[in-house]
Amino acid sequence: MLSHLALAGPLTVTEAAQHMNRAQPVMSEIVIGLERKRKRLVARVADARDRRRILVWLTEAGQAQLAKDPELRRPRAVRDEALGTASAPKL
Protein backbone atom coordinates (compact mmCIF):
# COMPACT_ATOMS: atom_id res chain seq x y z
CA MET A 1 0.00 0.00 0.00
CA LEU A 2 2.75 2.47 0.92
CA SER A 3 4.66 1.92 -2.30
CA HIS A 4 1.47 2.14 -4.34
CA LEU A 5 0.56 5.48 -2.78
CA ALA A 6 4.09 6.75 -3.39
CA LEU A 7 3.76 5.86 -7.08
CA ALA A 8 0.10 6.78 -7.66
CA GLY A 9 -0.28 9.75 -5.35
CA PRO A 10 -3.13 10.35 -2.91
CA LEU A 11 -6.16 8.12 -3.54
CA THR A 12 -9.57 7.60 -2.04
CA VAL A 13 -10.10 4.27 -0.30
CA THR A 14 -12.30 3.18 -3.20
CA GLU A 15 -9.67 4.14 -5.79
CA ALA A 16 -6.97 2.32 -3.82
CA ALA A 17 -9.20 -0.77 -3.66
CA GLN A 18 -9.69 -0.65 -7.42
CA HIS A 19 -5.97 -0.13 -8.09
CA MET A 20 -5.02 -3.06 -5.85
CA ASN A 21 -7.89 -5.34 -6.87
CA ARG A 22 -9.27 -5.53 -3.33
CA ALA A 23 -12.77 -5.13 -1.95
CA GLN A 24 -13.46 -1.66 -0.58
CA PRO A 25 -14.11 -2.92 3.00
CA VAL A 26 -10.78 -4.79 2.92
CA MET A 27 -8.95 -1.66 1.78
CA SER A 28 -10.69 0.34 4.52
CA GLU A 29 -9.32 -2.10 7.11
CA ILE A 30 -5.83 -1.83 5.62
CA VAL A 31 -5.98 1.96 5.80
CA ILE A 32 -7.28 1.85 9.38
CA GLY A 33 -4.37 -0.39 10.33
CA LEU A 34 -1.84 1.97 8.73
CA GLU A 35 -3.52 4.98 10.39
CA ARG A 36 -3.47 3.62 13.91
CA LYS A 37 -1.55 5.57 16.51
CA ARG A 38 1.39 3.19 16.68
CA LYS A 39 2.02 3.27 12.96
CA ARG A 40 0.61 6.54 11.59
CA LEU A 41 1.99 5.66 8.15
CA VAL A 42 -0.96 7.14 6.28
CA ALA A 43 -3.52 9.84 6.97
CA ARG A 44 -6.84 10.86 5.46
CA VAL A 45 -6.87 14.37 4.03
CA ALA A 46 -9.47 16.45 2.22
CA ASP A 47 -8.93 16.81 -1.52
CA ALA A 48 -7.95 20.45 -2.15
CA ARG A 49 -9.95 20.49 -5.41
CA ASP A 50 -13.07 18.78 -4.03
CA ARG A 51 -13.57 18.94 -0.26
CA ARG A 52 -16.15 16.13 -0.46
CA ARG A 53 -13.42 13.64 -1.42
CA ILE A 54 -11.23 12.21 1.32
CA LEU A 55 -7.84 10.98 0.16
CA VAL A 56 -5.38 8.62 1.79
CA TRP A 57 -1.79 9.85 1.69
CA LEU A 58 1.58 9.03 3.21
CA THR A 59 2.55 10.74 6.43
CA GLU A 60 6.14 11.70 7.21
CA ALA A 61 6.41 8.39 9.07
CA GLY A 62 5.14 6.53 5.99
CA GLN A 63 7.63 8.29 3.75
CA ALA A 64 10.42 7.53 6.23
CA GLN A 65 9.41 3.85 6.27
CA LEU A 66 9.64 3.73 2.47
CA ALA A 67 13.03 5.43 2.51
CA LYS A 68 14.29 3.01 5.15
CA ASP A 69 13.15 -0.15 3.34
CA PRO A 70 13.87 -0.01 -0.42
CA GLU A 71 11.95 -3.27 -0.97
CA LEU A 72 8.74 -1.46 -0.07
CA ARG A 73 9.27 0.93 -2.98
CA ARG A 74 9.22 -1.83 -5.58
CA PRO A 75 5.89 -2.83 -7.05
CA ARG A 76 4.95 -6.26 -5.70
CA ALA A 77 4.91 -7.98 -9.11
CA VAL A 78 8.41 -6.77 -9.93
CA ARG A 79 9.70 -7.69 -6.47
CA ASP A 80 8.07 -11.16 -6.56
CA GLU A 81 9.44 -11.83 -10.04
CA ALA A 82 12.93 -10.78 -8.99
CA LEU A 83 12.74 -13.08 -5.96
CA GLY A 84 11.22 -15.93 -7.94
CA THR A 85 8.08 -15.93 -5.81
CA ALA A 86 5.60 -14.76 -8.43
CA SER A 87 2.51 -16.91 -8.51
CA ALA A 88 1.84 -18.96 -11.60
CA PRO A 89 -0.87 -17.58 -13.87
CA LYS A 90 -4.26 -19.22 -13.42
CA LEU A 91 -5.49 -21.21 -16.40
Foldseek 3Di string as FASTA:
>chain_A
DLLVCVVVPWDALVVVCVVVVHDSVVSVVVLCVCCDPVRNQWDWDADPVHRVTITIHGDPSVVVVCVVDVLVNDDPQVSCVVVVNDDDDDD
